[in-house]
């Protein structure tokens, strides 16, 4: 009997102690967060939070001489340069050409702008591809011209594509991920030359 009363008392004390400890931890975290808010308000110095550290980094855009902004999430592996976007008014297609130059390694069978290219015009109309891009070899320091798979159903009245999103594949570790737009190559303000 003494043993069961002792066990019951130990469990009761433990149950009362746990919420107090959790509450103390919560209050300590709240106090630290308040300090960071006050620090940011007074000095203008932003501090990073756990949520910011775990989120994916955004794509940095570089504007080319042609005025096209290029966001390359794989900039550590290859450089990209916009060449041109050519529209075929009879077929209603637009083909975008880019030059890629490998920086770190040579890649066999690299693909840029495969069957998952999506573009939007200035009115918000969406255009997609229906075929596959050609795989090419990328050697370090050698520019290689890539033809993205053709956008279909584009009327000849479209003179600018506001955004073009294109996947890429270098190898199993360096490629865009389906459904993750931050991993796609992005082009903005792409002028279309019609033929």
C-alpha atoms as a PDB file:
ATOM      1  CA  UNK A   1       0.000   0.000   0.000  1.00  0.00           C
ATOM      2  CA  UNK A   2       2.798   2.395   0.921  1.00  0.00           C
ATOM      3  CA  UNK A   3       4.469   1.652  -2.401  1.00  0.00           C
ATOM      4  CA  UNK A   4       1.358   2.477  -4.477  1.00  0.00           C
ATOM      5  CA  UNK A   5       0.699   5.708  -2.505  1.00  0.00           C
ATOM      6  CA  UNK A   6       4.314   6.728  -3.004  1.00  0.00           C
ATOM      7  CA  UNK A   7       4.064   5.994  -6.765  1.00  0.00           C
ATOM      8  CA  UNK A   8       0.802   7.919  -7.024  1.00  0.00           C
ATOM      9  CA  UNK A   9       2.328  10.937  -5.238  1.00  0.00           C
ATOM     10  CA  UNK A  10       5.400  10.855  -7.511  1.00  0.00           C
ATOM     11  CA  UNK A  11       3.208  10.812 -10.629  1.00  0.00           C
ATOM     12  CA  UNK A  12       1.080  13.700  -9.318  1.00  0.00           C
ATOM     13  CA  UNK A  13       4.148  15.814  -8.549  1.00  0.00           C
ATOM     14  CA  UNK A  14       5.540  15.025 -12.001  1.00  0.00           C
ATOM     15  CA  UNK A  15       2.320  16.094 -13.699  1.00  0.00           C
ATOM     16  CA  UNK A  16       2.275  19.421 -11.873  1.00  0.00           C
ATOM     17  CA  UNK A  17       5.963  20.056 -12.577  1.00  0.00           C
ATOM     18  CA  UNK A  18       5.816  19.456 -16.349  1.00  0.00           C
ATOM     19  CA  UNK A  19       3.344  22.193 -17.291  1.00  0.00           C
ATOM     20  CA  UNK A  20       5.279  24.706 -15.228  1.00  0.00           C
ATOM     21  CA  UNK A  21       8.522  23.810 -16.970  1.00  0.00           C
ATOM     22  CA  UNK A  22       6.873  24.041 -20.414  1.00  0.00           C
ATOM     23  CA  UNK A  23       5.343  27.382 -19.444  1.00  0.00           C
ATOM     24  CA  UNK A  24       8.753  28.661 -18.344  1.00  0.00           C
ATOM     25  CA  UNK A  25      10.264  27.620 -21.681  1.00  0.00           C
ATOM     26  CA  UNK A  26       7.436  29.326 -23.554  1.00  0.00           C
ATOM     27  CA  UNK A  27       7.885  32.519 -21.541  1.00  0.00           C
ATOM     28  CA  UNK A  28      11.654  32.464 -22.182  1.00  0.00           C
ATOM     29  CA  UNK A  29      11.097  32.114 -25.960  1.00  0.00           C
ATOM     30  CA  UNK A  30       8.538  34.923 -25.850  1.00  0.00           C
ATOM     31  CA  UNK A  31      11.005  37.134 -23.978  1.00  0.00           C
ATOM     32  CA  UNK A  32      13.749  36.442 -26.569  1.00  0.00           C
ATOM     33  CA  UNK A  33      11.378  37.190 -29.447  1.00  0.00           C
ATOM     34  CA  UNK A  34      10.343  40.470 -27.814  1.00  0.00           C
ATOM     35  CA  UNK A  35      14.019  41.459 -27.472  1.00  0.00           C
ATOM     36  CA  UNK A  36      14.555  40.851 -31.215  1.00  0.00           C
ATOM     37  CA  UNK A  37      11.491  42.933 -32.142  1.00  0.00           C
ATOM     38  CA  UNK A  38      12.651  45.815 -29.941  1.00  0.00           C
ATOM     39  CA  UNK A  39      16.177  45.549 -31.392  1.00  0.00           C
ATOM     40  CA  UNK A  40      14.827  45.613 -34.950  1.00  0.00           C
ATOM     41  CA  UNK A  41      12.537  48.543 -34.177  1.00  0.00           C
ATOM     42  CA  UNK A  42      15.248  50.639 -32.536  1.00  0.00           C
ATOM     43  CA  UNK A  43      18.206  49.865 -34.821  1.00  0.00           C
ATOM     44  CA  UNK A  44      16.549  48.746 -38.036  1.00  0.00           C
ATOM     45  CA  UNK A  45      18.651  45.588 -37.875  1.00  0.00           C
ATOM     46  CA  UNK A  46      16.682  42.568 -39.056  1.00  0.00           C
ATOM     47  CA  UNK A  47      17.407  39.219 -37.511  1.00  0.00           C
ATOM     48  CA  UNK A  48      16.702  35.844 -39.056  1.00  0.00           C
ATOM     49  CA  UNK A  49      14.226  33.421 -37.554  1.00  0.00           C
ATOM     50  CA  UNK A  50      14.065  29.661 -37.733  1.00  0.00           C
ATOM     51  CA  UNK A  51      11.344  29.877 -40.404  1.00  0.00           C
ATOM     52  CA  UNK A  52      13.527  32.086 -42.589  1.00  0.00           C
ATOM     53  CA  UNK A  53      16.491  29.741 -42.273  1.00  0.00           C
ATOM     54  CA  UNK A  54      14.461  26.723 -43.365  1.00  0.00           C
ATOM     55  CA  UNK A  55      12.779  28.352 -46.375  1.00  0.00           C
ATOM     56  CA  UNK A  56      14.240  27.970 -49.858  1.00  0.00           C
ATOM     57  CA  UNK A  57      16.350  30.839 -51.135  1.00  0.00           C
ATOM     58  CA  UNK A  58      14.816  33.012 -53.829  1.00  0.00           C
ATOM     59  CA  UNK A  59      16.127  33.234 -57.369  1.00  0.00           C
ATOM     60  CA  UNK A  60      18.387  36.213 -58.058  1.00  0.00           C
ATOM     61  CA  UNK A  61      17.673  37.985 -61.344  1.00  0.00           C
ATOM     62  CA  UNK A  62      20.325  39.476 -63.611  1.00  0.00           C
ATOM     63  CA  UNK A  63      19.239  41.845 -66.383  1.00  0.00           C
ATOM     64  CA  UNK A  64      20.972  41.297 -69.721  1.00  0.00           C
ATOM     65  CA  UNK A  65      21.853  43.970 -72.289  1.00  0.00           C
ATOM     66  CA  UNK A  66      18.662  43.060 -74.185  1.00  0.00           C
ATOM     67  CA  UNK A  67      16.564  43.972 -71.129  1.00  0.00           C
ATOM     68  CA  UNK A  68      15.618  40.375 -70.339  1.00  0.00           C
ATOM     69  CA  UNK A  69      15.973  39.489 -66.653  1.00  0.00           C
ATOM     70  CA  UNK A  70      17.304  35.985 -66.067  1.00  0.00           C
ATOM     71  CA  UNK A  71      16.804  34.047 -62.847  1.00  0.00           C
ATOM     72  CA  UNK A  72      19.112  31.050 -62.739  1.00  0.00           C
ATOM     73  CA  UNK A  73      18.793  28.861 -59.623  1.00  0.00           C
ATOM     74  CA  UNK A  74      21.822  26.825 -60.779  1.00  0.00           C
ATOM     75  CA  UNK A  75      24.124  29.831 -61.229  1.00  0.00           C
ATOM     76  CA  UNK A  76      26.893  28.019 -59.344  1.00  0.00           C
ATOM     77  CA  UNK A  77      26.933  25.340 -62.071  1.00  0.00           C
ATOM     78  CA  UNK A  78      26.312  27.285 -65.292  1.00  0.00           C
ATOM     79  CA  UNK A  79      25.838  30.798 -66.675  1.00  0.00           C
ATOM     80  CA  UNK A  80      22.857  31.658 -68.859  1.00  0.00           C
ATOM     81  CA  UNK A  81      22.506  34.231 -71.598  1.00  0.00           C
ATOM     82  CA  UNK A  82      19.325  35.139 -73.485  1.00  0.00           C
ATOM     83  CA  UNK A  83      19.828  34.960 -77.265  1.00  0.00           C
ATOM     84  CA  UNK A  84      16.376  35.527 -78.787  1.00  0.00           C
ATOM     85  CA  UNK A  85      12.720  34.488 -78.904  1.00  0.00           C
ATOM     86  CA  UNK A  86      11.452  33.789 -82.416  1.00  0.00           C
ATOM     87  CA  UNK A  87       7.773  33.511 -83.243  1.00  0.00           C
ATOM     88  CA  UNK A  88       6.397  31.607 -86.217  1.00  0.00           C
ATOM     89  CA  UNK A  89       3.143  33.391 -87.088  1.00  0.00           C
ATOM     90  CA  UNK A  90       1.929  30.594 -89.404  1.00  0.00           C
ATOM     91  CA  UNK A  91       2.368  27.856 -86.779  1.00  0.00           C
ATOM     92  CA  UNK A  92       1.531  30.031 -83.747  1.00  0.00           C
ATOM     93  CA  UNK A  93       4.682  28.957 -81.921  1.00  0.00           C
ATOM     94  CA  UNK A  94       7.487  30.772 -80.109  1.00  0.00           C
ATOM     95  CA  UNK A  95      10.963  29.278 -79.728  1.00  0.00           C
ATOM     96  CA  UNK A  96      13.328  30.724 -77.132  1.00  0.00           C
ATOM     97  CA  UNK A  97      17.099  30.375 -77.481  1.00  0.00           C
ATOM     98  CA  UNK A  98      19.550  30.555 -74.582  1.00  0.00           C
ATOM     99  CA  UNK A  99      23.305  30.078 -74.279  1.00  0.00           C
ATOM    100  CA  UNK A 100      24.614  28.102 -71.321  1.00  0.00           C
ATOM    101  CA  UNK A 101      28.220  27.858 -70.183  1.00  0.00           C
ATOM    102  CA  UNK A 102      29.218  25.258 -67.584  1.00  0.00           C
ATOM    103  CA  UNK A 103      31.270  26.633 -64.693  1.00  0.00           C
ATOM    104  CA  UNK A 104      32.083  23.789 -62.339  1.00  0.00           C
ATOM    105  CA  UNK A 105      31.867  20.480 -64.252  1.00  0.00           C
ATOM    106  CA  UNK A 106      31.178  19.162 -67.735  1.00  0.00           C
ATOM    107  CA  UNK A 107      27.729  17.608 -68.147  1.00  0.00           C
ATOM    108  CA  UNK A 108      26.610  14.985 -70.665  1.00  0.00           C
ATOM    109  CA  UNK A 109      23.031  15.077 -71.944  1.00  0.00           C
ATOM    110  CA  UNK A 110      22.102  18.369 -70.281  1.00  0.00           C
ATOM    111  CA  UNK A 111      18.616  19.688 -70.996  1.00  0.00           C
ATOM    112  CA  UNK A 112      17.379  23.236 -70.637  1.00  0.00           C
ATOM    113  CA  UNK A 113      13.750  24.049 -71.316  1.00  0.00           C
ATOM    114  CA  UNK A 114      12.469  20.545 -71.743  1.00  0.00           C
ATOM    115  CA  UNK A 115       8.764  19.674 -71.934  1.00  0.00           C
ATOM    116  CA  UNK A 116       7.877  21.820 -68.923  1.00  0.00           C
ATOM    117  CA  UNK A 117       8.176  25.374 -70.272  1.00  0.00           C
ATOM    118  CA  UNK A 118       5.397  27.775 -69.335  1.00  0.00           C
ATOM    119  CA  UNK A 119       5.074  31.421 -70.370  1.00  0.00           C
ATOM    120  CA  UNK A 120       2.668  34.277 -69.699  1.00  0.00           C
ATOM    121  CA  UNK A 121       2.059  37.324 -71.884  1.00  0.00           C
ATOM    122  CA  UNK A 122       1.349  40.831 -70.591  1.00  0.00           C
ATOM    123  CA  UNK A 123      -2.400  40.076 -70.533  1.00  0.00           C
ATOM    124  CA  UNK A 124      -1.889  37.010 -68.317  1.00  0.00           C
ATOM    125  CA  UNK A 125      -2.518  34.387 -71.016  1.00  0.00           C
ATOM    126  CA  UNK A 126      -0.637  31.136 -70.429  1.00  0.00           C
ATOM    127  CA  UNK A 127       1.308  29.200 -73.074  1.00  0.00           C
ATOM    128  CA  UNK A 128       2.923  25.772 -72.662  1.00  0.00           C
ATOM    129  CA  UNK A 129       5.097  23.388 -74.630  1.00  0.00           C
ATOM    130  CA  UNK A 130       4.140  20.073 -76.142  1.00  0.00           C
ATOM    131  CA  UNK A 131       7.481  18.517 -77.065  1.00  0.00           C
ATOM    132  CA  UNK A 132      10.936  17.740 -75.692  1.00  0.00           C
ATOM    133  CA  UNK A 133      14.102  19.809 -75.971  1.00  0.00           C
ATOM    134  CA  UNK A 134      17.289  18.378 -77.393  1.00  0.00           C
ATOM    135  CA  UNK A 135      19.923  17.135 -74.930  1.00  0.00           C
ATOM    136  CA  UNK A 136      23.396  18.587 -75.377  1.00  0.00           C
ATOM    137  CA  UNK A 137      26.794  18.202 -73.771  1.00  0.00           C
ATOM    138  CA  UNK A 138      28.099  21.106 -71.695  1.00  0.00           C
ATOM    139  CA  UNK A 139      31.861  21.478 -71.362  1.00  0.00           C
ATOM    140  CA  UNK A 140      33.364  23.896 -68.830  1.00  0.00           C
ATOM    141  CA  UNK A 141      33.937  27.326 -70.360  1.00  0.00           C
ATOM    142  CA  UNK A 142      32.322  26.534 -73.729  1.00  0.00           C
ATOM    143  CA  UNK A 143      29.025  28.329 -74.531  1.00  0.00           C
ATOM    144  CA  UNK A 144      26.355  26.006 -75.929  1.00  0.00           C
ATOM    145  CA  UNK A 145      23.142  27.234 -77.571  1.00  0.00           C
ATOM    146  CA  UNK A 146      19.937  25.602 -76.322  1.00  0.00           C
ATOM    147  CA  UNK A 147      16.560  25.728 -78.022  1.00  0.00           C
ATOM    148  CA  UNK A 148      13.773  25.524 -75.462  1.00  0.00           C
ATOM    149  CA  UNK A 149      10.828  23.412 -76.517  1.00  0.00           C
ATOM    150  CA  UNK A 150       8.335  25.465 -78.530  1.00  0.00           C
ATOM    151  CA  UNK A 151       5.499  27.349 -76.878  1.00  0.00           C
ATOM    152  CA  UNK A 152       2.292  26.568 -78.776  1.00  0.00           C
ATOM    153  CA  UNK A 153      -0.882  28.539 -79.412  1.00  0.00           C
ATOM    154  CA  UNK A 154       0.791  31.939 -79.201  1.00  0.00           C
ATOM    155  CA  UNK A 155      -0.929  34.602 -81.346  1.00  0.00           C
ATOM    156  CA  UNK A 156       1.255  36.917 -83.453  1.00  0.00           C
ATOM    157  CA  UNK A 157      -0.095  39.888 -81.484  1.00  0.00           C
ATOM    158  CA  UNK A 158       2.066  38.893 -78.483  1.00  0.00           C
ATOM    159  CA  UNK A 159       5.199  41.043 -78.570  1.00  0.00           C
ATOM    160  CA  UNK A 160       6.461  40.393 -75.037  1.00  0.00           C
ATOM    161  CA  UNK A 161       6.342  37.422 -72.710  1.00  0.00           C
ATOM    162  CA  UNK A 162       6.227  38.749 -69.151  1.00  0.00           C
ATOM    163  CA  UNK A 163       7.494  35.531 -67.579  1.00  0.00           C
ATOM    164  CA  UNK A 164       8.942  32.304 -68.960  1.00  0.00           C
ATOM    165  CA  UNK A 165       9.574  29.392 -66.592  1.00  0.00           C
ATOM    166  CA  UNK A 166      11.710  26.503 -67.799  1.00  0.00           C
ATOM    167  CA  UNK A 167      13.045  23.373 -66.187  1.00  0.00           C
ATOM    168  CA  UNK A 168      16.606  22.119 -66.551  1.00  0.00           C
ATOM    169  CA  UNK A 169      18.507  18.881 -65.991  1.00  0.00           C
ATOM    170  CA  UNK A 170      22.276  18.531 -65.590  1.00  0.00           C
ATOM    171  CA  UNK A 171      22.337  15.332 -63.524  1.00  0.00           C
ATOM    172  CA  UNK A 172      20.243  13.673 -60.830  1.00  0.00           C
ATOM    173  CA  UNK A 173      21.525  16.084 -58.173  1.00  0.00           C
ATOM    174  CA  UNK A 174      21.364  19.265 -60.248  1.00  0.00           C
ATOM    175  CA  UNK A 175      17.974  19.718 -61.831  1.00  0.00           C
ATOM    176  CA  UNK A 176      14.723  21.579 -61.426  1.00  0.00           C
ATOM    177  CA  UNK A 177      12.030  19.921 -59.354  1.00  0.00           C
ATOM    178  CA  UNK A 178       8.488  19.518 -60.669  1.00  0.00           C
ATOM    179  CA  UNK A 179       6.110  21.814 -58.839  1.00  0.00           C
ATOM    180  CA  UNK A 180       8.898  23.904 -57.266  1.00  0.00           C
ATOM    181  CA  UNK A 181       9.014  27.137 -59.281  1.00  0.00           C
ATOM    182  CA  UNK A 182      11.968  28.426 -57.252  1.00  0.00           C
ATOM    183  CA  UNK A 183      14.025  25.647 -58.886  1.00  0.00           C
ATOM    184  CA  UNK A 184      13.073  26.691 -62.450  1.00  0.00           C
ATOM    185  CA  UNK A 185      14.981  29.018 -64.758  1.00  0.00           C
ATOM    186  CA  UNK A 186      12.942  32.207 -65.133  1.00  0.00           C
ATOM    187  CA  UNK A 187      13.054  34.855 -67.823  1.00  0.00           C
ATOM    188  CA  UNK A 188      11.205  38.172 -67.571  1.00  0.00           C
ATOM    189  CA  UNK A 189      10.318  40.736 -70.241  1.00  0.00           C
ATOM    190  CA  UNK A 190      11.173  38.497 -73.191  1.00  0.00           C
ATOM    191  CA  UNK A 191      10.702  40.304 -76.548  1.00  0.00           C
ATOM    192  CA  UNK A 192       9.310  38.123 -79.356  1.00  0.00           C
ATOM    193  CA  UNK A 193      10.457  38.615 -82.978  1.00  0.00           C
ATOM    194  CA  UNK A 194       7.826  37.310 -85.389  1.00  0.00           C
ATOM    195  CA  UNK A 195       8.629  35.806 -88.773  1.00  0.00           C
END
